[in-house]
Amino acid sequence: EAEALRFEVRSGTAVVQESTIEWSDERQLWWQDPEVGGGPL
């Protein structure tokens, strides 16, 4: 499960997102507004 993993982000923001979409464990790791060619997740 991605939401249970350690992560680092160097552009944009990354959070654990909950929803009713059919994600396993009903959560995902969500990366928002990264720079093109910029810091990775």
Full PDB file with SEQRES, HELIX, SHEET, SSBOND, CRYST1, ORIGX, SCALE, CONECT and MASTER records, all heavy atoms in Angstrom:
SEQRES   1 A   41  GLU ALA GLU ALA LEU ARG PHE GLU VAL ARG SER GLY THR          
SEQRES   2 A   41  ALA VAL VAL GLN GLU SER THR ILE GLU TRP SER ASP GLU          
SEQRES   3 A   41  ARG GLN LEU TRP TRP GLN ASP PRO GLU VAL GLY GLY GLY          
SEQRES   4 A   41  PRO LEU                                                      
HELIX    1 AA1 ALA A    2  ALA A    4  5                                   3    
HELIX    2 AA2 SER A   24  GLU A   26  5                                   3    
SHEET    1 AA1 2 THR A  13  GLU A  18  0                                        
SHEET    2 AA1 2 ARG A  27  GLN A  32 -1                                        
CRYST1    1.000    1.000    1.000  90.00  90.00  90.00 P 1           1          
ORIGX1      1.000000  0.000000  0.000000        0.00000                         
ORIGX2      0.000000  1.000000  0.000000        0.00000                         
ORIGX3      0.000000  0.000000  1.000000        0.00000                         
SCALE1      1.000000  0.000000  0.000000        0.00000                         
SCALE2      0.000000  1.000000  0.000000        0.00000                         
SCALE3      0.000000  0.000000  1.000000        0.00000                         
ATOM      1  N   GLU A   1       0.828  -1.200   0.000  1.00  0.00           N  
ATOM      2  CA  GLU A   1       0.000   0.000   0.000  1.00  0.00           C  
ATOM      3  C   GLU A   1       0.866   1.256   0.000  1.00  0.00           C  
ATOM      4  O   GLU A   1       1.685   1.472   0.903  1.00  0.00           O  
ATOM      5  CB  GLU A   1      -0.931   0.005   1.207  1.00  0.00           C  
ATOM      6  CG  GLU A   1      -1.896  -1.169   1.261  1.00  0.00           C  
ATOM      7  CD  GLU A   1      -2.939  -1.110   0.149  1.00  0.00           C  
ATOM      8  OE1 GLU A   1      -3.103  -0.036  -0.463  1.00  0.00           O  
ATOM      9  OE2 GLU A   1      -3.581  -2.145  -0.113  1.00  0.00           O  
ATOM     10  N   ALA A   2       0.679   2.101  -1.015  1.00  0.00           N  
ATOM     11  CA  ALA A   2       1.530   3.274  -1.175  1.00  0.00           C  
ATOM     12  C   ALA A   2       1.372   4.251  -0.018  1.00  0.00           C  
ATOM     13  O   ALA A   2       2.331   4.903   0.402  1.00  0.00           O  
ATOM     14  CB  ALA A   2       1.205   3.974  -2.501  1.00  0.00           C  
ATOM     15  N   GLU A   3       0.135   4.361   0.522  1.00  0.00           N  
ATOM     16  CA  GLU A   3      -0.101   5.333   1.589  1.00  0.00           C  
ATOM     17  C   GLU A   3       0.633   4.981   2.878  1.00  0.00           C  
ATOM     18  O   GLU A   3       0.778   5.822   3.771  1.00  0.00           O  
ATOM     19  CB  GLU A   3      -1.604   5.457   1.865  1.00  0.00           C  
ATOM     20  CG  GLU A   3      -2.260   4.211   2.438  1.00  0.00           C  
ATOM     21  CD  GLU A   3      -2.692   3.225   1.378  1.00  0.00           C  
ATOM     22  OE1 GLU A   3      -2.435   3.479   0.181  1.00  0.00           O  
ATOM     23  OE2 GLU A   3      -3.290   2.199   1.746  1.00  0.00           O  
ATOM     24  N   ALA A   4       1.097   3.708   2.986  1.00  0.00           N  
ATOM     25  CA  ALA A   4       1.817   3.285   4.185  1.00  0.00           C  
ATOM     26  C   ALA A   4       3.335   3.413   4.033  1.00  0.00           C  
ATOM     27  O   ALA A   4       4.072   3.126   4.982  1.00  0.00           O  
ATOM     28  CB  ALA A   4       1.455   1.836   4.526  1.00  0.00           C  
ATOM     29  N   LEU A   5       3.805   3.839   2.858  1.00  0.00           N  
ATOM     30  CA  LEU A   5       5.238   3.892   2.593  1.00  0.00           C  
ATOM     31  C   LEU A   5       5.825   5.249   2.952  1.00  0.00           C  
ATOM     32  O   LEU A   5       5.139   6.279   2.902  1.00  0.00           O  
ATOM     33  CB  LEU A   5       5.507   3.585   1.123  1.00  0.00           C  
ATOM     34  CG  LEU A   5       5.082   2.196   0.632  1.00  0.00           C  
ATOM     35  CD1 LEU A   5       5.309   2.067  -0.864  1.00  0.00           C  
ATOM     36  CD2 LEU A   5       5.815   1.100   1.396  1.00  0.00           C  
ATOM     37  N   ARG A   6       7.108   5.236   3.286  1.00  0.00           N  
ATOM     38  CA  ARG A   6       7.830   6.496   3.519  1.00  0.00           C  
ATOM     39  C   ARG A   6       8.115   7.149   2.168  1.00  0.00           C  
ATOM     40  O   ARG A   6       8.423   6.466   1.185  1.00  0.00           O  
ATOM     41  CB  ARG A   6       9.141   6.199   4.255  1.00  0.00           C  
ATOM     42  CG  ARG A   6       9.986   7.423   4.562  1.00  0.00           C  
ATOM     43  CD  ARG A   6      11.115   7.060   5.526  1.00  0.00           C  
ATOM     44  NE  ARG A   6      12.033   6.097   4.938  1.00  0.00           N  
ATOM     45  CZ  ARG A   6      13.131   6.426   4.256  1.00  0.00           C  
ATOM     46  NH1 ARG A   6      13.431   7.710   4.046  1.00  0.00           N  
ATOM     47  NH2 ARG A   6      13.932   5.492   3.775  1.00  0.00           N  
ATOM     48  N   PHE A   7       8.010   8.476   2.120  1.00  0.00           N  
ATOM     49  CA  PHE A   7       8.260   9.177   0.859  1.00  0.00           C  
ATOM     50  C   PHE A   7       8.888  10.530   1.131  1.00  0.00           C  
ATOM     51  O   PHE A   7       8.787  11.092   2.233  1.00  0.00           O  
ATOM     52  CB  PHE A   7       6.964   9.331   0.050  1.00  0.00           C  
ATOM     53  CG  PHE A   7       5.895  10.162   0.714  1.00  0.00           C  
ATOM     54  CD1 PHE A   7       5.873  11.541   0.570  1.00  0.00           C  
ATOM     55  CD2 PHE A   7       4.923   9.563   1.509  1.00  0.00           C  
ATOM     56  CE1 PHE A   7       4.892  12.306   1.171  1.00  0.00           C  
ATOM     57  CE2 PHE A   7       3.945  10.314   2.128  1.00  0.00           C  
ATOM     58  CZ  PHE A   7       3.926  11.694   1.959  1.00  0.00           C  
ATOM     59  N   GLU A   8       9.545  11.058   0.095  1.00  0.00           N  
ATOM     60  CA  GLU A   8      10.102  12.405   0.118  1.00  0.00           C  
ATOM     61  C   GLU A   8       9.627  13.133  -1.127  1.00  0.00           C  
ATOM     62  O   GLU A   8       9.499  12.516  -2.196  1.00  0.00           O  
ATOM     63  CB  GLU A   8      11.632  12.376   0.141  1.00  0.00           C  
ATOM     64  CG  GLU A   8      12.233  11.729   1.387  1.00  0.00           C  
ATOM     65  CD  GLU A   8      13.747  11.630   1.311  1.00  0.00           C  
ATOM     66  OE1 GLU A   8      14.316  12.013   0.240  1.00  0.00           O  
ATOM     67  OE2 GLU A   8      14.370  11.160   2.284  1.00  0.00           O  
ATOM     68  N   VAL A   9       9.393  14.424  -1.025  1.00  0.00           N  
ATOM     69  CA  VAL A   9       8.934  15.204  -2.162  1.00  0.00           C  
ATOM     70  C   VAL A   9       9.744  16.483  -2.228  1.00  0.00           C  
ATOM     71  O   VAL A   9      10.007  17.115  -1.199  1.00  0.00           O  
ATOM     72  CB  VAL A   9       7.417  15.480  -2.063  1.00  0.00           C  
ATOM     73  CG1 VAL A   9       7.076  16.319  -0.849  1.00  0.00           C  
ATOM     74  CG2 VAL A   9       6.901  16.133  -3.327  1.00  0.00           C  
ATOM     75  N   ARG A  10      10.167  16.861  -3.437  1.00  0.00           N  
ATOM     76  CA  ARG A  10      11.064  18.013  -3.609  1.00  0.00           C  
ATOM     77  C   ARG A  10      10.462  19.100  -4.477  1.00  0.00           C  
ATOM     78  O   ARG A  10      11.122  20.068  -4.812  1.00  0.00           O  
ATOM     79  CB  ARG A  10      12.402  17.531  -4.171  1.00  0.00           C  
ATOM     80  CG  ARG A  10      13.133  16.626  -3.172  1.00  0.00           C  
ATOM     81  CD  ARG A  10      14.262  15.842  -3.775  1.00  0.00           C  
ATOM     82  NE  ARG A  10      14.694  14.764  -2.875  1.00  0.00           N  
ATOM     83  CZ  ARG A  10      15.495  13.770  -3.231  1.00  0.00           C  
ATOM     84  NH1 ARG A  10      15.945  13.698  -4.483  1.00  0.00           N  
ATOM     85  NH2 ARG A  10      15.825  12.840  -2.359  1.00  0.00           N  
ATOM     86  N   SER A  11       9.220  18.891  -4.902  1.00  0.00           N  
ATOM     87  CA  SER A  11       8.431  19.963  -5.517  1.00  0.00           C  
ATOM     88  C   SER A  11       6.965  19.577  -5.361  1.00  0.00           C  
ATOM     89  O   SER A  11       6.632  18.392  -5.298  1.00  0.00           O  
ATOM     90  CB  SER A  11       8.790  20.180  -6.996  1.00  0.00           C  
ATOM     91  OG  SER A  11       8.340  19.105  -7.794  1.00  0.00           O  
ATOM     92  N   GLY A  12       6.089  20.559  -5.286  1.00  0.00           N  
ATOM     93  CA  GLY A  12       4.689  20.264  -5.051  1.00  0.00           C  
ATOM     94  C   GLY A  12       4.471  19.742  -3.642  1.00  0.00           C  
ATOM     95  O   GLY A  12       5.325  19.865  -2.752  1.00  0.00           O  
ATOM     96  N   THR A  13       3.329  19.101  -3.420  1.00  0.00           N  
ATOM     97  CA  THR A  13       3.003  18.530  -2.121  1.00  0.00           C  
ATOM     98  C   THR A  13       2.477  17.110  -2.312  1.00  0.00           C  
ATOM     99  O   THR A  13       1.844  16.803  -3.323  1.00  0.00           O  
ATOM    100  CB  THR A  13       1.927  19.361  -1.392  1.00  0.00           C  
ATOM    101  OG1 THR A  13       0.762  19.448  -2.223  1.00  0.00           O  
ATOM    102  CG2 THR A  13       2.442  20.759  -1.086  1.00  0.00           C  
ATOM    103  N   ALA A  14       2.740  16.254  -1.332  1.00  0.00           N  
ATOM    104  CA  ALA A  14       2.268  14.874  -1.374  1.00  0.00           C  
ATOM    105  C   ALA A  14       1.578  14.551  -0.059  1.00  0.00           C  
ATOM    106  O   ALA A  14       2.106  14.864   1.015  1.00  0.00           O  
ATOM    107  CB  ALA A  14       3.422  13.913  -1.625  1.00  0.00           C  
ATOM    108  N   VAL A  15       0.402  13.939  -0.159  1.00  0.00           N  
ATOM    109  CA  VAL A  15      -0.390  13.581   1.021  1.00  0.00           C  
ATOM    110  C   VAL A  15      -1.043  12.232   0.782  1.00  0.00           C  
ATOM    111  O   VAL A  15      -1.074  11.731  -0.345  1.00  0.00           O  
ATOM    112  CB  VAL A  15      -1.483  14.638   1.317  1.00  0.00           C  
ATOM    113  CG1 VAL A  15      -0.870  15.991   1.655  1.00  0.00           C  
ATOM    114  CG2 VAL A  15      -2.447  14.760   0.141  1.00  0.00           C  
ATOM    115  N   VAL A  16      -1.570  11.649   1.843  1.00  0.00           N  
ATOM    116  CA  VAL A  16      -2.398  10.461   1.737  1.00  0.00           C  
ATOM    117  C   VAL A  16      -3.837  10.911   1.538  1.00  0.00           C  
ATOM    118  O   VAL A  16      -4.351  11.720   2.304  1.00  0.00           O  
ATOM    119  CB  VAL A  16      -2.275   9.579   2.990  1.00  0.00           C  
ATOM    120  CG1 VAL A  16      -3.279   8.429   2.944  1.00  0.00           C  
ATOM    121  CG2 VAL A  16      -0.850   9.042   3.115  1.00  0.00           C  
ATOM    122  N   GLN A  17      -4.482  10.406   0.503  1.00  0.00           N  
ATOM    123  CA  GLN A  17      -5.848  10.801   0.164  1.00  0.00           C  
ATOM    124  C   GLN A  17      -6.796   9.632   0.395  1.00  0.00           C  
ATOM    125  O   GLN A  17      -6.515   8.507   0.007  1.00  0.00           O  
ATOM    126  CB  GLN A  17      -5.923  11.249  -1.296  1.00  0.00           C  
ATOM    127  CG  GLN A  17      -7.301  11.749  -1.714  1.00  0.00           C  
ATOM    128  CD  GLN A  17      -7.393  12.063  -3.191  1.00  0.00           C  
ATOM    129  OE1 GLN A  17      -6.601  11.545  -3.991  1.00  0.00           O  
ATOM    130  NE2 GLN A  17      -8.325  12.904  -3.573  1.00  0.00           N  
ATOM    131  N   GLU A  18      -7.933   9.931   1.033  1.00  0.00           N  
ATOM    132  CA  GLU A  18      -8.978   8.947   1.237  1.00  0.00           C  
ATOM    133  C   GLU A  18     -10.162   9.291   0.354  1.00  0.00           C  
ATOM    134  O   GLU A  18     -10.459  10.454   0.123  1.00  0.00           O  
ATOM    135  CB  GLU A  18      -9.415   8.909   2.706  1.00  0.00           C  
ATOM    136  CG  GLU A  18      -8.304   8.497   3.650  1.00  0.00           C  
ATOM    137  CD  GLU A  18      -8.814   8.303   5.056  1.00  0.00           C  
ATOM    138  OE1 GLU A  18     -10.026   8.046   5.226  1.00  0.00           O  
ATOM    139  OE2 GLU A  18      -8.002   8.411   5.996  1.00  0.00           O  
ATOM    140  N   SER A  19     -10.860   8.255  -0.126  1.00  0.00           N  
ATOM    141  CA  SER A  19     -11.984   8.496  -1.020  1.00  0.00           C  
ATOM    142  C   SER A  19     -12.813   7.231  -1.133  1.00  0.00           C  
ATOM    143  O   SER A  19     -12.455   6.178  -0.605  1.00  0.00           O  
ATOM    144  CB  SER A  19     -11.491   8.946  -2.403  1.00  0.00           C  
ATOM    145  OG  SER A  19     -12.555   9.100  -3.309  1.00  0.00           O  
ATOM    146  N   THR A  20     -13.912   7.353  -1.872  1.00  0.00           N  
ATOM    147  CA  THR A  20     -14.732   6.173  -2.142  1.00  0.00           C  
ATOM    148  C   THR A  20     -14.391   5.543  -3.491  1.00  0.00           C  
ATOM    149  O   THR A  20     -15.034   4.585  -3.892  1.00  0.00           O  
ATOM    150  CB  THR A  20     -16.222   6.551  -2.138  1.00  0.00           C  
ATOM    151  OG1 THR A  20     -16.448   7.619  -3.063  1.00  0.00           O  
ATOM    152  CG2 THR A  20     -16.657   6.983  -0.751  1.00  0.00           C  
ATOM    153  N   ILE A  21     -13.388   6.063  -4.195  1.00  0.00           N  
ATOM    154  CA  ILE A  21     -12.938   5.399  -5.410  1.00  0.00           C  
ATOM    155  C   ILE A  21     -12.375   4.034  -5.006  1.00  0.00           C  
ATOM    156  O   ILE A  21     -12.007   3.813  -3.843  1.00  0.00           O  
ATOM    157  CB  ILE A  21     -11.881   6.263  -6.139  1.00  0.00           C  
ATOM    158  CG1 ILE A  21     -11.604   5.736  -7.556  1.00  0.00           C  
ATOM    159  CG2 ILE A  21     -10.606   6.352  -5.348  1.00  0.00           C  
ATOM    160  CD1 ILE A  21     -10.678   6.624  -8.362  1.00  0.00           C  
ATOM    161  N   GLU A  22     -12.266   3.110  -5.934  1.00  0.00           N  
ATOM    162  CA  GLU A  22     -11.947   1.718  -5.598  1.00  0.00           C  
ATOM    163  C   GLU A  22     -10.466   1.479  -5.348  1.00  0.00           C  
ATOM    164  O   GLU A  22      -9.881   0.521  -5.846  1.00  0.00           O  
ATOM    165  CB  GLU A  22     -12.442   0.801  -6.729  1.00  0.00           C  
ATOM    166  CG  GLU A  22     -13.904   0.948  -7.071  1.00  0.00           C  
ATOM    167  CD  GLU A  22     -14.814   0.568  -5.900  1.00  0.00           C  
ATOM    168  OE1 GLU A  22     -14.386  -0.238  -5.060  1.00  0.00           O  
ATOM    169  OE2 GLU A  22     -15.933   1.081  -5.837  1.00  0.00           O  
ATOM    170  N   TRP A  23      -9.830   2.345  -4.559  1.00  0.00           N  
ATOM    171  CA  TRP A  23      -8.436   2.100  -4.194  1.00  0.00           C  
ATOM    172  C   TRP A  23      -8.350   0.939  -3.219  1.00  0.00           C  
ATOM    173  O   TRP A  23      -9.230   0.741  -2.379  1.00  0.00           O  
ATOM    174  CB  TRP A  23      -7.836   3.340  -3.528  1.00  0.00           C  
ATOM    175  CG  TRP A  23      -7.646   4.506  -4.425  1.00  0.00           C  
ATOM    176  CD1 TRP A  23      -7.169   4.492  -5.700  1.00  0.00           C  
ATOM    177  CD2 TRP A  23      -7.926   5.883  -4.113  1.00  0.00           C  
ATOM    178  NE1 TRP A  23      -7.130   5.772  -6.204  1.00  0.00           N  
ATOM    179  CE2 TRP A  23      -7.588   6.641  -5.259  1.00  0.00           C  
ATOM    180  CE3 TRP A  23      -8.410   6.537  -2.994  1.00  0.00           C  
ATOM    181  CZ2 TRP A  23      -7.718   8.018  -5.303  1.00  0.00           C  
ATOM    182  CZ3 TRP A  23      -8.548   7.921  -3.035  1.00  0.00           C  
ATOM    183  CH2 TRP A  23      -8.206   8.644  -4.179  1.00  0.00           C  
ATOM    184  N   SER A  24      -7.279   0.173  -3.305  1.00  0.00           N  
ATOM    185  CA  SER A  24      -7.013  -0.833  -2.293  1.00  0.00           C  
ATOM    186  C   SER A  24      -6.793  -0.127  -0.958  1.00  0.00           C  
ATOM    187  O   SER A  24      -6.080   0.894  -0.890  1.00  0.00           O  
ATOM    188  CB  SER A  24      -5.768  -1.640  -2.683  1.00  0.00           C  
ATOM    189  OG  SER A  24      -5.436  -2.573  -1.685  1.00  0.00           O  
ATOM    190  N   ASP A  25      -7.425  -0.605   0.089  1.00  0.00           N  
ATOM    191  CA  ASP A  25      -7.400   0.018   1.417  1.00  0.00           C  
ATOM    192  C   ASP A  25      -8.029   1.415   1.395  1.00  0.00           C  
ATOM    193  O   ASP A  25      -7.885   2.177   2.340  1.00  0.00           O  
ATOM    194  CB  ASP A  25      -5.978   0.084   1.979  1.00  0.00           C  
ATOM    195  CG  ASP A  25      -5.967   0.228   3.492  1.00  0.00           C  
ATOM    196  OD1 ASP A  25      -6.878  -0.308   4.148  1.00  0.00           O  
ATOM    197  OD2 ASP A  25      -5.057   0.902   4.027  1.00  0.00           O  
ATOM    198  N   GLU A  26      -8.669   1.757   0.265  1.00  0.00           N  
ATOM    199  CA  GLU A  26      -9.440   2.996   0.099  1.00  0.00           C  
ATOM    200  C   GLU A  26      -8.613   4.258   0.305  1.00  0.00           C  
ATOM    201  O   GLU A  26      -9.124   5.310   0.681  1.00  0.00           O  
ATOM    202  CB  GLU A  26     -10.648   2.995   1.034  1.00  0.00           C  
ATOM    203  CG  GLU A  26     -11.617   1.864   0.706  1.00  0.00           C  
ATOM    204  CD  GLU A  26     -12.820   1.828   1.600  1.00  0.00           C  
ATOM    205  OE1 GLU A  26     -12.794   2.504   2.654  1.00  0.00           O  
ATOM    206  OE2 GLU A  26     -13.788   1.114   1.262  1.00  0.00           O  
ATOM    207  N   ARG A  27      -7.299   4.148   0.015  1.00  0.00           N  
ATOM    208  CA  ARG A  27      -6.423   5.320   0.116  1.00  0.00           C  
ATOM    209  C   ARG A  27      -5.364   5.244  -0.971  1.00  0.00           C  
ATOM    210  O   ARG A  27      -5.090   4.182  -1.529  1.00  0.00           O  
ATOM    211  CB  ARG A  27      -5.753   5.387   1.494  1.00  0.00           C  
ATOM    212  CG  ARG A  27      -6.725   5.562   2.659  1.00  0.00           C  
ATOM    213  CD  ARG A  27      -6.007   5.637   3.981  1.00  0.00           C  
ATOM    214  NE  ARG A  27      -5.345   4.366   4.293  1.00  0.00           N  
ATOM    215  CZ  ARG A  27      -4.484   4.210   5.309  1.00  0.00           C  
ATOM    216  NH1 ARG A  27      -4.169   5.235   6.074  1.00  0.00           N  
ATOM    217  NH2 ARG A  27      -3.939   3.027   5.528  1.00  0.00           N  
ATOM    218  N   GLN A  28      -4.761   6.396  -1.264  1.00  0.00           N  
ATOM    219  CA  GLN A  28      -3.647   6.437  -2.213  1.00  0.00           C  
ATOM    220  C   GLN A  28      -2.647   7.494  -1.764  1.00  0.00           C  
ATOM    221  O   GLN A  28      -2.960   8.374  -0.945  1.00  0.00           O  
ATOM    222  CB  GLN A  28      -4.136   6.766  -3.625  1.00  0.00           C  
ATOM    223  CG  GLN A  28      -4.560   8.212  -3.822  1.00  0.00           C  
ATOM    224  CD  GLN A  28      -4.559   8.653  -5.275  1.00  0.00           C  
ATOM    225  OE1 GLN A  28      -4.125   7.950  -6.176  1.00  0.00           O  
ATOM    226  NE2 GLN A  28      -5.063   9.865  -5.533  1.00  0.00           N  
ATOM    227  N   LEU A  29      -1.443   7.417  -2.332  1.00  0.00           N  
ATOM    228  CA  LEU A  29      -0.441   8.473  -2.174  1.00  0.00           C  
ATOM    229  C   LEU A  29      -0.652   9.464  -3.313  1.00  0.00           C  
ATOM    230  O   LEU A  29      -0.602   9.083  -4.488  1.00  0.00           O  
ATOM    231  CB  LEU A  29       0.968   7.882  -2.214  1.00  0.00           C  
ATOM    232  CG  LEU A  29       2.122   8.882  -2.120  1.00  0.00           C  
ATOM    233  CD1 LEU A  29       2.045   9.709  -0.852  1.00  0.00           C  
ATOM    234  CD2 LEU A  29       3.463   8.154  -2.211  1.00  0.00           C  
ATOM    235  N   TRP A  30      -0.883  10.720  -2.988  1.00  0.00           N  
ATOM    236  CA  TRP A  30      -1.343  11.726  -3.946  1.00  0.00           C  
ATOM    237  C   TRP A  30      -0.331  12.857  -4.014  1.00  0.00           C  
ATOM    238  O   TRP A  30      -0.069  13.534  -3.008  1.00  0.00           O  
ATOM    239  CB  TRP A  30      -2.705  12.242  -3.487  1.00  0.00           C  
ATOM    240  CG  TRP A  30      -3.404  13.175  -4.406  1.00  0.00           C  
ATOM    241  CD1 TRP A  30      -3.318  13.255  -5.752  1.00  0.00           C  
ATOM    242  CD2 TRP A  30      -4.366  14.167  -4.007  1.00  0.00           C  
ATOM    243  NE1 TRP A  30      -4.142  14.230  -6.240  1.00  0.00           N  
ATOM    244  CE2 TRP A  30      -4.805  14.797  -5.191  1.00  0.00           C  
ATOM    245  CE3 TRP A  30      -4.897  14.563  -2.786  1.00  0.00           C  
ATOM    246  CZ2 TRP A  30      -5.742  15.835  -5.163  1.00  0.00           C  
ATOM    247  CZ3 TRP A  30      -5.837  15.583  -2.767  1.00  0.00           C  
ATOM    248  CH2 TRP A  30      -6.250  16.207  -3.947  1.00  0.00           C  
ATOM    249  N   TRP A  31       0.234  13.067  -5.212  1.00  0.00           N  
ATOM    250  CA  TRP A  31       1.230  14.121  -5.452  1.00  0.00           C  
ATOM    251  C   TRP A  31       0.559  15.218  -6.273  1.00  0.00           C  
ATOM    252  O   TRP A  31       0.039  14.965  -7.362  1.00  0.00           O  
ATOM    253  CB  TRP A  31       2.419  13.523  -6.198  1.00  0.00           C  
ATOM    254  CG  TRP A  31       3.620  14.417  -6.306  1.00  0.00           C  
ATOM    255  CD1 TRP A  31       3.975  15.452  -5.504  1.00  0.00           C  
ATOM    256  CD2 TRP A  31       4.668  14.313  -7.289  1.00  0.00           C  
ATOM    257  NE1 TRP A  31       5.170  16.010  -5.902  1.00  0.00           N  
ATOM    258  CE2 TRP A  31       5.604  15.326  -7.002  1.00  0.00           C  
ATOM    259  CE3 TRP A  31       4.891  13.456  -8.369  1.00  0.00           C  
ATOM    260  CZ2 TRP A  31       6.752  15.507  -7.764  1.00  0.00           C  
ATOM    261  CZ3 TRP A  31       6.029  13.634  -9.130  1.00  0.00           C  
ATOM    262  CH2 TRP A  31       6.960  14.652  -8.836  1.00  0.00           C  
ATOM    263  N   GLN A  32       0.625  16.455  -5.752  1.00  0.00           N  
ATOM    264  CA  GLN A  32      -0.080  17.565  -6.384  1.00  0.00           C  
ATOM    265  C   GLN A  32       0.898  18.663  -6.803  1.00  0.00           C  
ATOM    266  O   GLN A  32       1.833  18.986  -6.065  1.00  0.00           O  
ATOM    267  CB  GLN A  32      -1.097  18.168  -5.409  1.00  0.00           C  
ATOM    268  CG  GLN A  32      -2.059  17.174  -4.793  1.00  0.00           C  
ATOM    269  CD  GLN A  32      -2.790  17.766  -3.614  1.00  0.00           C  
ATOM    270  OE1 GLN A  32      -3.637  18.646  -3.759  1.00  0.00           O  
ATOM    271  NE2 GLN A  32      -2.464  17.285  -2.424  1.00  0.00           N  
ATOM    272  N   ASP A  33       0.645  19.242  -7.964  1.00  0.00           N  
ATOM    273  CA  ASP A  33       1.339  20.433  -8.468  1.00  0.00           C  
ATOM    274  C   ASP A  33       2.868  20.306  -8.507  1.00  0.00           C  
ATOM    275  O   ASP A  33       3.587  21.235  -8.116  1.00  0.00           O  
ATOM    276  CB  ASP A  33       0.956  21.656  -7.628  1.00  0.00           C  
ATOM    277  CG  ASP A  33      -0.542  21.874  -7.583  1.00  0.00           C  
ATOM    278  OD1 ASP A  33      -1.150  21.981  -8.669  1.00  0.00           O  
ATOM    279  OD2 ASP A  33      -1.118  21.928  -6.483  1.00  0.00           O  
ATOM    280  N   PRO A  34       3.405  19.186  -8.998  1.00  0.00           N  
ATOM    281  CA  PRO A  34       4.865  19.113  -9.134  1.00  0.00           C  
ATOM    282  C   PRO A  34       5.344  20.006 -10.279  1.00  0.00           C  
ATOM    283  O   PRO A  34       4.592  20.309 -11.208  1.00  0.00           O  
ATOM    284  CB  PRO A  34       5.099  17.642  -9.447  1.00  0.00           C  
ATOM    285  CG  PRO A  34       3.856  17.217 -10.164  1.00  0.00           C  
ATOM    286  CD  PRO A  34       2.733  17.979  -9.506  1.00  0.00           C  
ATOM    287  N   GLU A  35       6.604  20.397 -10.204  1.00  0.00           N  
ATOM    288  CA  GLU A  35       7.196  21.167 -11.293  1.00  0.00           C  
ATOM    289  C   GLU A  35       7.580  20.217 -12.431  1.00  0.00           C  
ATOM    290  O   GLU A  35       8.067  19.108 -12.188  1.00  0.00           O  
ATOM    291  CB  GLU A  35       8.441  21.895 -10.795  1.00  0.00           C  
ATOM    292  CG  GLU A  35       8.168  22.917  -9.697  1.00  0.00           C  
ATOM    293  CD  GLU A  35       9.453  23.525  -9.156  1.00  0.00           C  
ATOM    294  OE1 GLU A  35      10.545  23.161  -9.667  1.00  0.00           O  
ATOM    295  OE2 GLU A  35       9.372  24.334  -8.223  1.00  0.00           O  
ATOM    296  N   VAL A  36       7.372  20.664 -13.651  1.00  0.00           N  
ATOM    297  CA  VAL A  36       7.788  19.854 -14.807  1.00  0.00           C  
ATOM    298  C   VAL A  36       9.304  19.797 -14.839  1.00  0.00           C  
ATOM    299  O   VAL A  36       9.981  20.827 -14.887  1.00  0.00           O  
ATOM    300  CB  VAL A  36       7.239  20.443 -16.122  1.00  0.00           C  
ATOM    301  CG1 VAL A  36       7.755  19.643 -17.315  1.00  0.00           C  
ATOM    302  CG2 VAL A  36       5.728  20.466 -16.102  1.00  0.00           C  
ATOM    303  N   GLY A  37       9.843  18.578 -14.787  1.00  0.00           N  
ATOM    304  CA  GLY A  37      11.288  18.403 -14.775  1.00  0.00           C  
ATOM    305  C   GLY A  37      11.944  18.820 -13.482  1.00  0.00           C  
ATOM    306  O   GLY A  37      13.181  18.856 -13.388  1.00  0.00           O  
ATOM    307  N   GLY A  38      11.154  19.133 -12.479  1.00  0.00           N  
ATOM    308  CA  GLY A  38      11.691  19.609 -11.210  1.00  0.00           C  
ATOM    309  C   GLY A  38      11.941  18.492 -10.230  1.00  0.00           C  
ATOM    310  O   GLY A  38      12.165  17.337 -10.611  1.00  0.00           O  
ATOM    311  N   GLY A  39      11.885  18.845  -8.947  1.00  0.00           N  
ATOM    312  CA  GLY A  39      12.171  17.875  -7.900  1.00  0.00           C  
ATOM    313  C   GLY A  39      11.206  16.708  -7.945  1.00  0.00           C  
ATOM    314  O   GLY A  39       9.993  16.885  -8.148  1.00  0.00           O  
ATOM    315  N   PRO A  40      11.716  15.492  -7.753  1.00  0.00           N  
ATOM    316  CA  PRO A  40      10.880  14.300  -7.891  1.00  0.00           C  
ATOM    317  C   PRO A  40      10.133  13.961  -6.600  1.00  0.00           C  
ATOM    318  O   PRO A  40      10.374  14.523  -5.532  1.00  0.00           O  
ATOM    319  CB  PRO A  40      11.899  13.215  -8.210  1.00  0.00           C  
ATOM    320  CG  PRO A  40      13.111  13.638  -7.430  1.00  0.00           C  
ATOM    321  CD  PRO A  40      13.127  15.146  -7.493  1.00  0.00           C  
ATOM    322  N   LEU A  41       9.239  12.999  -6.740  1.00  0.00           N  
ATOM    323  CA  LEU A  41       8.666  12.268  -5.610  1.00  0.00           C  
ATOM    324  C   LEU A  41       9.441  10.964  -5.492  1.00  0.00           C  
ATOM    325  O   LEU A  41       9.571  10.234  -6.482  1.00  0.00           O  
ATOM    326  CB  LEU A  41       7.183  11.988  -5.857  1.00  0.00           C  
ATOM    327  CG  LEU A  41       6.505  10.966  -4.939  1.00  0.00           C  
ATOM    328  CD1 LEU A  41       6.362  11.511  -3.523  1.00  0.00           C  
ATOM    329  CD2 LEU A  41       5.137  10.556  -5.500  1.00  0.00           C  
TER     330      LEU A  41                                                      
MASTER        0    0    0    2    2    0    0    6  329    1    0    4          
END                                                                             
